[in-house]
């Protein structure tokens, strides 16, 4: 019995060690490439762990100080953060109505919202491009190459996922709490803001985090529906691939810097992740 538990523990540690290496080695390699000059990369590169002792700083300085990557990074932060905030507000209100109110056909509405996530994004590319570049321009305003255009577009794809995730969380909150507040003279707004939102805070945090990451990592629509003003850092990485070759050092440096906001946000909501993902697993 003891040997069985020992081998099970060894197997668990081995699995998580291998999984961690598979995840961290590409990031480690990215950090190594970002600290080397082009001559070192294409010559006899020294990829020893002492790379921090001699960093090729132009890889980090040129893209952000002399290039447009800093502006692209700010665009990504604005678009991803605004999208996550808008998705959270709309998802909370939508799931509150679907879960607590007797909305006719609520199950059909919920299923219809999820179908928007089932089709591949490329299927929407052409109609969205025509919509952004032609239809709205007839009214003297455009969504093409604007922050608000990408924010609203990402809501189309992130909101169904957020509603699906929040629906299970809302269903896990006992309706007796709502009834107690209403009996004491409260209204639906008080139920939402003082009961539902505080209890569902872990689930709201993980929903916002995933929506932010989806918007931050998105490439296809950002590359097609922006040109200069609203270009994001993910699309900016393509600028390092030129007809004369690929600047791997600067590309790796920008990619490494683009990881930092996501890591920072993840560290802030880390304690909510497990609680948020398991909140609706068992109905209270």
C-alpha atoms as a PDB file:
ATOM      1  CA  UNK A   1       0.000   0.000   0.000  1.00  0.00           C
ATOM      2  CA  UNK A   2       2.812   2.386   0.919  1.00  0.00           C
ATOM      3  CA  UNK A   3       4.725   1.501  -2.242  1.00  0.00           C
ATOM      4  CA  UNK A   4       1.615   2.185  -4.308  1.00  0.00           C
ATOM      5  CA  UNK A   5       1.231   5.650  -2.758  1.00  0.00           C
ATOM      6  CA  UNK A   6       4.944   6.307  -3.234  1.00  0.00           C
ATOM      7  CA  UNK A   7       4.855   5.416  -6.932  1.00  0.00           C
ATOM      8  CA  UNK A   8       1.705   7.480  -7.377  1.00  0.00           C
ATOM      9  CA  UNK A   9       3.429  10.468  -5.800  1.00  0.00           C
ATOM     10  CA  UNK A  10       6.522   9.974  -7.939  1.00  0.00           C
ATOM     11  CA  UNK A  11       4.374   9.738 -11.040  1.00  0.00           C
ATOM     12  CA  UNK A  12       2.531  12.946 -10.087  1.00  0.00           C
ATOM     13  CA  UNK A  13       5.768  14.856  -9.467  1.00  0.00           C
ATOM     14  CA  UNK A  14       7.239  13.558 -12.719  1.00  0.00           C
ATOM     15  CA  UNK A  15       4.188  14.596 -14.706  1.00  0.00           C
ATOM     16  CA  UNK A  16       4.145  18.124 -13.316  1.00  0.00           C
ATOM     17  CA  UNK A  17       7.926  18.469 -13.709  1.00  0.00           C
ATOM     18  CA  UNK A  18       7.747  17.501 -17.384  1.00  0.00           C
ATOM     19  CA  UNK A  19       4.723  19.775 -17.905  1.00  0.00           C
ATOM     20  CA  UNK A  20       6.572  22.685 -16.307  1.00  0.00           C
ATOM     21  CA  UNK A  21       9.625  22.098 -18.493  1.00  0.00           C
ATOM     22  CA  UNK A  22       7.499  21.959 -21.647  1.00  0.00           C
ATOM     23  CA  UNK A  23       5.960  25.302 -20.651  1.00  0.00           C
ATOM     24  CA  UNK A  24       9.055  27.100 -19.368  1.00  0.00           C
ATOM     25  CA  UNK A  25      11.754  25.978 -21.807  1.00  0.00           C
ATOM     26  CA  UNK A  26      10.294  27.967 -24.761  1.00  0.00           C
ATOM     27  CA  UNK A  27      10.118  31.070 -22.541  1.00  0.00           C
ATOM     28  CA  UNK A  28      13.704  30.483 -21.394  1.00  0.00           C
ATOM     29  CA  UNK A  29      14.819  30.086 -25.004  1.00  0.00           C
ATOM     30  CA  UNK A  30      12.939  33.280 -25.916  1.00  0.00           C
ATOM     31  CA  UNK A  31      14.819  35.130 -23.172  1.00  0.00           C
ATOM     32  CA  UNK A  32      18.131  33.768 -24.443  1.00  0.00           C
ATOM     33  CA  UNK A  33      17.483  34.855 -28.033  1.00  0.00           C
ATOM     34  CA  UNK A  34      16.384  38.327 -26.907  1.00  0.00           C
ATOM     35  CA  UNK A  35      19.734  38.942 -25.203  1.00  0.00           C
ATOM     36  CA  UNK A  36      21.942  38.024 -28.173  1.00  0.00           C
ATOM     37  CA  UNK A  37      23.063  40.118 -31.118  1.00  0.00           C
ATOM     38  CA  UNK A  38      22.508  38.993 -34.691  1.00  0.00           C
ATOM     39  CA  UNK A  39      26.172  38.082 -35.030  1.00  0.00           C
ATOM     40  CA  UNK A  40      25.995  35.850 -31.953  1.00  0.00           C
ATOM     41  CA  UNK A  41      22.766  34.206 -33.088  1.00  0.00           C
ATOM     42  CA  UNK A  42      24.065  33.273 -36.529  1.00  0.00           C
ATOM     43  CA  UNK A  43      27.639  32.656 -35.416  1.00  0.00           C
ATOM     44  CA  UNK A  44      28.491  30.435 -32.479  1.00  0.00           C
ATOM     45  CA  UNK A  45      25.888  31.435 -29.910  1.00  0.00           C
ATOM     46  CA  UNK A  46      26.528  30.836 -26.235  1.00  0.00           C
ATOM     47  CA  UNK A  47      23.192  29.838 -24.768  1.00  0.00           C
ATOM     48  CA  UNK A  48      24.465  29.254 -21.254  1.00  0.00           C
ATOM     49  CA  UNK A  49      22.335  30.283 -18.258  1.00  0.00           C
ATOM     50  CA  UNK A  50      24.652  33.267 -17.675  1.00  0.00           C
ATOM     51  CA  UNK A  51      22.854  35.247 -20.397  1.00  0.00           C
ATOM     52  CA  UNK A  52      21.799  37.956 -17.913  1.00  0.00           C
ATOM     53  CA  UNK A  53      25.440  38.958 -17.443  1.00  0.00           C
ATOM     54  CA  UNK A  54      25.651  40.322 -21.003  1.00  0.00           C
ATOM     55  CA  UNK A  55      22.403  41.501 -22.528  1.00  0.00           C
ATOM     56  CA  UNK A  56      22.385  43.031 -25.995  1.00  0.00           C
ATOM     57  CA  UNK A  57      20.342  46.086 -24.962  1.00  0.00           C
ATOM     58  CA  UNK A  58      19.633  47.404 -28.517  1.00  0.00           C
ATOM     59  CA  UNK A  59      17.228  44.476 -28.947  1.00  0.00           C
ATOM     60  CA  UNK A  60      15.029  46.083 -26.289  1.00  0.00           C
ATOM     61  CA  UNK A  61      15.825  49.759 -26.925  1.00  0.00           C
ATOM     62  CA  UNK A  62      15.377  50.015 -30.693  1.00  0.00           C
ATOM     63  CA  UNK A  63      11.837  48.597 -31.012  1.00  0.00           C
ATOM     64  CA  UNK A  64      10.398  50.697 -28.175  1.00  0.00           C
ATOM     65  CA  UNK A  65      12.452  53.917 -28.342  1.00  0.00           C
ATOM     66  CA  UNK A  66      13.145  54.179 -32.068  1.00  0.00           C
ATOM     67  CA  UNK A  67      10.270  52.061 -33.362  1.00  0.00           C
ATOM     68  CA  UNK A  68       6.506  51.802 -32.932  1.00  0.00           C
ATOM     69  CA  UNK A  69       6.386  48.791 -30.601  1.00  0.00           C
ATOM     70  CA  UNK A  70       5.806  50.971 -27.535  1.00  0.00           C
ATOM     71  CA  UNK A  71       2.715  52.480 -29.147  1.00  0.00           C
ATOM     72  CA  UNK A  72       1.529  49.022 -30.167  1.00  0.00           C
ATOM     73  CA  UNK A  73       1.983  47.808 -26.595  1.00  0.00           C
ATOM     74  CA  UNK A  74      -0.127  50.690 -25.252  1.00  0.00           C
ATOM     75  CA  UNK A  75      -2.804  49.937 -27.864  1.00  0.00           C
ATOM     76  CA  UNK A  76      -2.913  46.311 -26.748  1.00  0.00           C
ATOM     77  CA  UNK A  77      -3.280  47.300 -23.095  1.00  0.00           C
ATOM     78  CA  UNK A  78      -6.099  49.762 -23.878  1.00  0.00           C
ATOM     79  CA  UNK A  79      -7.986  47.351 -26.138  1.00  0.00           C
ATOM     80  CA  UNK A  80      -7.608  44.231 -23.954  1.00  0.00           C
ATOM     81  CA  UNK A  81      -8.438  46.034 -20.691  1.00  0.00           C
ATOM     82  CA  UNK A  82     -11.439  47.910 -22.125  1.00  0.00           C
ATOM     83  CA  UNK A  83     -12.740  44.739 -23.742  1.00  0.00           C
ATOM     84  CA  UNK A  84     -12.419  42.736 -20.519  1.00  0.00           C
ATOM     85  CA  UNK A  85     -14.224  45.446 -18.518  1.00  0.00           C
ATOM     86  CA  UNK A  86     -17.065  45.686 -21.051  1.00  0.00           C
ATOM     87  CA  UNK A  87     -17.378  41.899 -21.290  1.00  0.00           C
ATOM     88  CA  UNK A  88     -17.580  41.546 -17.495  1.00  0.00           C
ATOM     89  CA  UNK A  89     -20.342  44.155 -17.186  1.00  0.00           C
ATOM     90  CA  UNK A  90     -22.418  42.703 -20.022  1.00  0.00           C
ATOM     91  CA  UNK A  91     -21.840  39.080 -18.946  1.00  0.00           C
ATOM     92  CA  UNK A  92     -22.874  39.754 -15.339  1.00  0.00           C
ATOM     93  CA  UNK A  93     -26.070  41.525 -16.425  1.00  0.00           C
ATOM     94  CA  UNK A  94     -26.901  38.888 -19.047  1.00  0.00           C
ATOM     95  CA  UNK A  95     -26.319  35.891 -16.798  1.00  0.00           C
ATOM     96  CA  UNK A  96     -28.175  37.569 -13.933  1.00  0.00           C
ATOM     97  CA  UNK A  97     -31.220  37.879 -16.192  1.00  0.00           C
ATOM     98  CA  UNK A  98     -30.897  34.369 -17.630  1.00  0.00           C
ATOM     99  CA  UNK A  99     -30.292  32.764 -14.240  1.00  0.00           C
ATOM    100  CA  UNK A 100     -32.645  34.740 -11.970  1.00  0.00           C
ATOM    101  CA  UNK A 101     -35.457  36.072 -14.133  1.00  0.00           C
ATOM    102  CA  UNK A 102     -38.088  33.981 -15.862  1.00  0.00           C
ATOM    103  CA  UNK A 103     -37.050  35.148 -19.314  1.00  0.00           C
ATOM    104  CA  UNK A 104     -39.110  33.382 -22.021  1.00  0.00           C
ATOM    105  CA  UNK A 105     -36.871  31.082 -24.038  1.00  0.00           C
ATOM    106  CA  UNK A 106     -33.842  31.681 -21.789  1.00  0.00           C
ATOM    107  CA  UNK A 107     -32.389  28.258 -22.617  1.00  0.00           C
ATOM    108  CA  UNK A 108     -32.659  28.975 -26.349  1.00  0.00           C
ATOM    109  CA  UNK A 109     -31.092  32.411 -25.893  1.00  0.00           C
ATOM    110  CA  UNK A 110     -28.234  30.891 -23.904  1.00  0.00           C
ATOM    111  CA  UNK A 111     -27.609  28.249 -26.579  1.00  0.00           C
ATOM    112  CA  UNK A 112     -27.771  30.838 -29.365  1.00  0.00           C
ATOM    113  CA  UNK A 113     -25.127  32.957 -27.651  1.00  0.00           C
ATOM    114  CA  UNK A 114     -22.791  29.983 -27.397  1.00  0.00           C
ATOM    115  CA  UNK A 115     -23.151  29.239 -31.132  1.00  0.00           C
ATOM    116  CA  UNK A 116     -21.256  32.477 -31.846  1.00  0.00           C
ATOM    117  CA  UNK A 117     -18.166  30.765 -30.408  1.00  0.00           C
ATOM    118  CA  UNK A 118     -18.560  27.585 -32.442  1.00  0.00           C
ATOM    119  CA  UNK A 119     -17.627  28.945 -35.883  1.00  0.00           C
ATOM    120  CA  UNK A 120     -13.945  29.568 -36.674  1.00  0.00           C
ATOM    121  CA  UNK A 121     -12.988  33.287 -36.565  1.00  0.00           C
ATOM    122  CA  UNK A 122     -11.773  33.142 -40.180  1.00  0.00           C
ATOM    123  CA  UNK A 123     -15.383  32.569 -41.292  1.00  0.00           C
ATOM    124  CA  UNK A 124     -16.253  36.085 -40.103  1.00  0.00           C
ATOM    125  CA  UNK A 125     -13.169  37.777 -41.548  1.00  0.00           C
ATOM    126  CA  UNK A 126     -14.499  38.866 -44.949  1.00  0.00           C
ATOM    127  CA  UNK A 127     -17.926  40.170 -43.791  1.00  0.00           C
ATOM    128  CA  UNK A 128     -16.314  41.995 -40.888  1.00  0.00           C
ATOM    129  CA  UNK A 129     -13.715  43.568 -43.156  1.00  0.00           C
ATOM    130  CA  UNK A 130     -16.442  44.824 -45.501  1.00  0.00           C
ATOM    131  CA  UNK A 131     -18.474  46.001 -42.531  1.00  0.00           C
ATOM    132  CA  UNK A 132     -15.557  47.905 -41.010  1.00  0.00           C
ATOM    133  CA  UNK A 133     -14.280  49.450 -44.236  1.00  0.00           C
ATOM    134  CA  UNK A 134     -17.434  50.100 -46.277  1.00  0.00           C
ATOM    135  CA  UNK A 135     -20.736  50.117 -44.428  1.00  0.00           C
ATOM    136  CA  UNK A 136     -19.829  52.407 -41.552  1.00  0.00           C
ATOM    137  CA  UNK A 137     -17.847  54.795 -43.742  1.00  0.00           C
ATOM    138  CA  UNK A 138     -21.054  55.688 -45.573  1.00  0.00           C
ATOM    139  CA  UNK A 139     -22.146  57.458 -42.380  1.00  0.00           C
ATOM    140  CA  UNK A 140     -18.931  59.516 -42.119  1.00  0.00           C
ATOM    141  CA  UNK A 141     -17.420  57.385 -39.383  1.00  0.00           C
ATOM    142  CA  UNK A 142     -15.488  54.174 -39.390  1.00  0.00           C
ATOM    143  CA  UNK A 143     -14.509  51.337 -37.099  1.00  0.00           C
ATOM    144  CA  UNK A 144     -11.487  50.406 -39.184  1.00  0.00           C
ATOM    145  CA  UNK A 145      -8.155  50.969 -37.409  1.00  0.00           C
ATOM    146  CA  UNK A 146      -9.791  52.245 -34.208  1.00  0.00           C
ATOM    147  CA  UNK A 147      -9.637  51.110 -30.601  1.00  0.00           C
ATOM    148  CA  UNK A 148     -13.411  51.028 -30.240  1.00  0.00           C
ATOM    149  CA  UNK A 149     -13.698  48.859 -33.347  1.00  0.00           C
ATOM    150  CA  UNK A 150     -11.497  46.088 -31.939  1.00  0.00           C
ATOM    151  CA  UNK A 151     -13.032  46.417 -28.457  1.00  0.00           C
ATOM    152  CA  UNK A 152     -16.551  45.867 -29.808  1.00  0.00           C
ATOM    153  CA  UNK A 153     -15.394  43.129 -32.176  1.00  0.00           C
ATOM    154  CA  UNK A 154     -13.691  41.157 -29.417  1.00  0.00           C
ATOM    155  CA  UNK A 155     -16.897  41.386 -27.390  1.00  0.00           C
ATOM    156  CA  UNK A 156     -18.658  39.406 -30.118  1.00  0.00           C
ATOM    157  CA  UNK A 157     -16.360  36.455 -29.447  1.00  0.00           C
ATOM    158  CA  UNK A 158     -15.487  36.889 -25.751  1.00  0.00           C
ATOM    159  CA  UNK A 159     -18.989  37.672 -24.479  1.00  0.00           C
ATOM    160  CA  UNK A 160     -20.520  34.250 -25.328  1.00  0.00           C
ATOM    161  CA  UNK A 161     -17.660  32.511 -23.516  1.00  0.00           C
ATOM    162  CA  UNK A 162     -18.039  34.843 -20.529  1.00  0.00           C
ATOM    163  CA  UNK A 163     -21.814  34.246 -20.394  1.00  0.00           C
ATOM    164  CA  UNK A 164     -21.271  30.482 -20.553  1.00  0.00           C
ATOM    165  CA  UNK A 165     -18.745  30.646 -17.713  1.00  0.00           C
ATOM    166  CA  UNK A 166     -20.771  33.063 -15.568  1.00  0.00           C
ATOM    167  CA  UNK A 167     -24.002  31.096 -16.032  1.00  0.00           C
ATOM    168  CA  UNK A 168     -22.663  28.185 -13.997  1.00  0.00           C
ATOM    169  CA  UNK A 169     -21.430  30.584 -11.330  1.00  0.00           C
ATOM    170  CA  UNK A 170     -24.803  32.368 -11.085  1.00  0.00           C
ATOM    171  CA  UNK A 171     -26.652  29.063 -10.880  1.00  0.00           C
ATOM    172  CA  UNK A 172     -24.421  28.077  -7.952  1.00  0.00           C
ATOM    173  CA  UNK A 173     -25.666  30.993  -5.821  1.00  0.00           C
ATOM    174  CA  UNK A 174     -28.800  30.027  -3.830  1.00  0.00           C
ATOM    175  CA  UNK A 175     -31.931  31.917  -4.865  1.00  0.00           C
ATOM    176  CA  UNK A 176     -32.965  32.044  -1.195  1.00  0.00           C
ATOM    177  CA  UNK A 177     -30.514  34.933  -0.773  1.00  0.00           C
ATOM    178  CA  UNK A 178     -32.369  36.933  -3.416  1.00  0.00           C
ATOM    179  CA  UNK A 179     -35.700  36.229  -1.769  1.00  0.00           C
ATOM    180  CA  UNK A 180     -34.398  37.294   1.648  1.00  0.00           C
ATOM    181  CA  UNK A 181     -33.229  40.650   0.278  1.00  0.00           C
ATOM    182  CA  UNK A 182     -36.536  41.243  -1.520  1.00  0.00           C
ATOM    183  CA  UNK A 183     -38.508  40.380   1.610  1.00  0.00           C
ATOM    184  CA  UNK A 184     -36.442  42.925   3.576  1.00  0.00           C
ATOM    185  CA  UNK A 185     -37.453  45.668   1.143  1.00  0.00           C
ATOM    186  CA  UNK A 186     -34.565  45.461  -1.309  1.00  0.00           C
ATOM    187  CA  UNK A 187     -34.815  45.506  -5.069  1.00  0.00           C
ATOM    188  CA  UNK A 188     -33.191  43.634  -7.944  1.00  0.00           C
ATOM    189  CA  UNK A 189     -30.338  46.147  -8.209  1.00  0.00           C
ATOM    190  CA  UNK A 190     -29.448  45.631  -4.527  1.00  0.00           C
ATOM    191  CA  UNK A 191     -29.578  41.867  -5.025  1.00  0.00           C
ATOM    192  CA  UNK A 192     -27.168  42.155  -7.934  1.00  0.00           C
ATOM    193  CA  UNK A 193     -24.671  44.609  -6.449  1.00  0.00           C
ATOM    194  CA  UNK A 194     -24.660  43.503  -2.796  1.00  0.00           C
ATOM    195  CA  UNK A 195     -25.335  39.778  -3.040  1.00  0.00           C
ATOM    196  CA  UNK A 196     -24.569  38.353  -6.471  1.00  0.00           C
ATOM    197  CA  UNK A 197     -21.452  40.338  -7.387  1.00  0.00           C
ATOM    198  CA  UNK A 198     -19.596  39.938  -4.036  1.00  0.00           C
ATOM    199  CA  UNK A 199     -20.301  36.197  -3.887  1.00  0.00           C
ATOM    200  CA  UNK A 200     -19.411  35.664  -7.549  1.00  0.00           C
ATOM    201  CA  UNK A 201     -16.273  37.868  -7.349  1.00  0.00           C
ATOM    202  CA  UNK A 202     -13.828  34.936  -7.865  1.00  0.00           C
ATOM    203  CA  UNK A 203     -15.718  33.797 -10.950  1.00  0.00           C
ATOM    204  CA  UNK A 204     -15.929  37.368 -12.273  1.00  0.00           C
ATOM    205  CA  UNK A 205     -12.166  37.737 -11.784  1.00  0.00           C
ATOM    206  CA  UNK A 206     -11.313  34.591 -13.750  1.00  0.00           C
ATOM    207  CA  UNK A 207     -13.822  35.542 -16.476  1.00  0.00           C
ATOM    208  CA  UNK A 208     -12.207  38.951 -16.800  1.00  0.00           C
ATOM    209  CA  UNK A 209      -8.732  37.411 -16.856  1.00  0.00           C
ATOM    210  CA  UNK A 210      -9.577  34.951 -19.646  1.00  0.00           C
ATOM    211  CA  UNK A 211     -11.341  37.644 -21.678  1.00  0.00           C
ATOM    212  CA  UNK A 212      -8.300  39.888 -21.281  1.00  0.00           C
ATOM    213  CA  UNK A 213      -5.909  37.154 -22.383  1.00  0.00           C
ATOM    214  CA  UNK A 214      -8.065  36.254 -25.411  1.00  0.00           C
ATOM    215  CA  UNK A 215      -8.115  39.903 -26.517  1.00  0.00           C
ATOM    216  CA  UNK A 216      -4.401  40.343 -25.780  1.00  0.00           C
ATOM    217  CA  UNK A 217      -3.342  37.316 -27.835  1.00  0.00           C
ATOM    218  CA  UNK A 218      -5.695  37.825 -30.799  1.00  0.00           C
ATOM    219  CA  UNK A 219      -3.894  38.254 -34.112  1.00  0.00           C
ATOM    220  CA  UNK A 220      -6.131  37.570 -37.124  1.00  0.00           C
ATOM    221  CA  UNK A 221      -8.646  40.407 -36.738  1.00  0.00           C
ATOM    222  CA  UNK A 222      -6.072  42.859 -35.404  1.00  0.00           C
ATOM    223  CA  UNK A 223      -3.839  42.252 -38.428  1.00  0.00           C
ATOM    224  CA  UNK A 224      -6.719  42.618 -40.897  1.00  0.00           C
ATOM    225  CA  UNK A 225      -8.770  45.445 -39.385  1.00  0.00           C
ATOM    226  CA  UNK A 226      -5.968  47.789 -38.286  1.00  0.00           C
ATOM    227  CA  UNK A 227      -3.119  49.550 -40.055  1.00  0.00           C
ATOM    228  CA  UNK A 228      -1.352  52.118 -37.850  1.00  0.00           C
ATOM    229  CA  UNK A 229      -3.489  53.834 -35.204  1.00  0.00           C
ATOM    230  CA  UNK A 230      -4.853  50.754 -33.404  1.00  0.00           C
ATOM    231  CA  UNK A 231      -2.197  48.202 -34.315  1.00  0.00           C
ATOM    232  CA  UNK A 232      -1.486  45.782 -31.451  1.00  0.00           C
ATOM    233  CA  UNK A 233       1.778  44.323 -30.214  1.00  0.00           C
ATOM    234  CA  UNK A 234       0.955  40.848 -31.546  1.00  0.00           C
ATOM    235  CA  UNK A 235       0.643  42.186 -35.089  1.00  0.00           C
ATOM    236  CA  UNK A 236       3.714  44.375 -34.587  1.00  0.00           C
ATOM    237  CA  UNK A 237       5.880  41.278 -34.284  1.00  0.00           C
ATOM    238  CA  UNK A 238       5.371  40.679 -38.011  1.00  0.00           C
ATOM    239  CA  UNK A 239       7.322  43.866 -38.759  1.00  0.00           C
ATOM    240  CA  UNK A 240      10.565  42.128 -37.831  1.00  0.00           C
ATOM    241  CA  UNK A 241      10.168  39.777 -40.806  1.00  0.00           C
ATOM    242  CA  UNK A 242      11.514  41.702 -43.792  1.00  0.00           C
ATOM    243  CA  UNK A 243      12.759  40.949 -47.292  1.00  0.00           C
ATOM    244  CA  UNK A 244      16.346  41.114 -46.031  1.00  0.00           C
ATOM    245  CA  UNK A 245      15.768  38.615 -43.231  1.00  0.00           C
ATOM    246  CA  UNK A 246      14.233  38.219 -39.809  1.00  0.00           C
ATOM    247  CA  UNK A 247      15.512  40.206 -36.844  1.00  0.00           C
ATOM    248  CA  UNK A 248      15.164  37.400 -34.321  1.00  0.00           C
ATOM    249  CA  UNK A 249      16.749  39.258 -31.417  1.00  0.00           C
ATOM    250  CA  UNK A 250      14.385  42.237 -31.495  1.00  0.00           C
ATOM    251  CA  UNK A 251      11.397  40.017 -32.217  1.00  0.00           C
ATOM    252  CA  UNK A 252      12.208  37.871 -29.180  1.00  0.00           C
ATOM    253  CA  UNK A 253      12.741  40.991 -27.030  1.00  0.00           C
ATOM    254  CA  UNK A 254       9.341  42.452 -27.960  1.00  0.00           C
ATOM    255  CA  UNK A 255       7.669  39.064 -27.454  1.00  0.00           C
ATOM    256  CA  UNK A 256       9.276  38.792 -24.021  1.00  0.00           C
ATOM    257  CA  UNK A 257       8.137  42.279 -23.005  1.00  0.00           C
ATOM    258  CA  UNK A 258       4.616  41.510 -24.243  1.00  0.00           C
ATOM    259  CA  UNK A 259       4.472  38.653 -21.724  1.00  0.00           C
ATOM    260  CA  UNK A 260       4.979  40.973 -18.745  1.00  0.00           C
ATOM    261  CA  UNK A 261       1.470  42.576 -18.598  1.00  0.00           C
ATOM    262  CA  UNK A 262      -0.144  39.147 -18.785  1.00  0.00           C
ATOM    263  CA  UNK A 263       2.135  37.791 -16.046  1.00  0.00           C
ATOM    264  CA  UNK A 264       1.413  40.817 -13.852  1.00  0.00           C
ATOM    265  CA  UNK A 265      -2.341  40.477 -14.288  1.00  0.00           C
ATOM    266  CA  UNK A 266      -2.158  36.738 -13.681  1.00  0.00           C
ATOM    267  CA  UNK A 267      -0.254  37.280 -10.430  1.00  0.00           C
ATOM    268  CA  UNK A 268      -2.913  39.744  -9.227  1.00  0.00           C
ATOM    269  CA  UNK A 269      -5.833  37.345  -9.709  1.00  0.00           C
ATOM    270  CA  UNK A 270      -4.001  34.087  -9.040  1.00  0.00           C
ATOM    271  CA  UNK A 271      -5.796  33.416  -5.772  1.00  0.00           C
ATOM    272  CA  UNK A 272      -9.169  33.617  -7.534  1.00  0.00           C
ATOM    273  CA  UNK A 273      -8.371  31.201 -10.348  1.00  0.00           C
ATOM    274  CA  UNK A 274      -9.054  27.805  -8.734  1.00  0.00           C
ATOM    275  CA  UNK A 275     -11.951  29.166  -6.686  1.00  0.00           C
ATOM    276  CA  UNK A 276     -13.469  30.835  -9.722  1.00  0.00           C
ATOM    277  CA  UNK A 277     -13.179  27.814 -11.996  1.00  0.00           C
ATOM    278  CA  UNK A 278     -14.746  25.466  -9.436  1.00  0.00           C
ATOM    279  CA  UNK A 279     -17.380  27.844  -8.073  1.00  0.00           C
ATOM    280  CA  UNK A 280     -20.267  26.502 -10.130  1.00  0.00           C
ATOM    281  CA  UNK A 281     -19.228  22.863  -9.982  1.00  0.00           C
ATOM    282  CA  UNK A 282     -21.586  22.064  -7.099  1.00  0.00           C
ATOM    283  CA  UNK A 283     -24.735  24.039  -6.611  1.00  0.00           C
ATOM    284  CA  UNK A 284     -25.062  25.438  -3.118  1.00  0.00           C
END
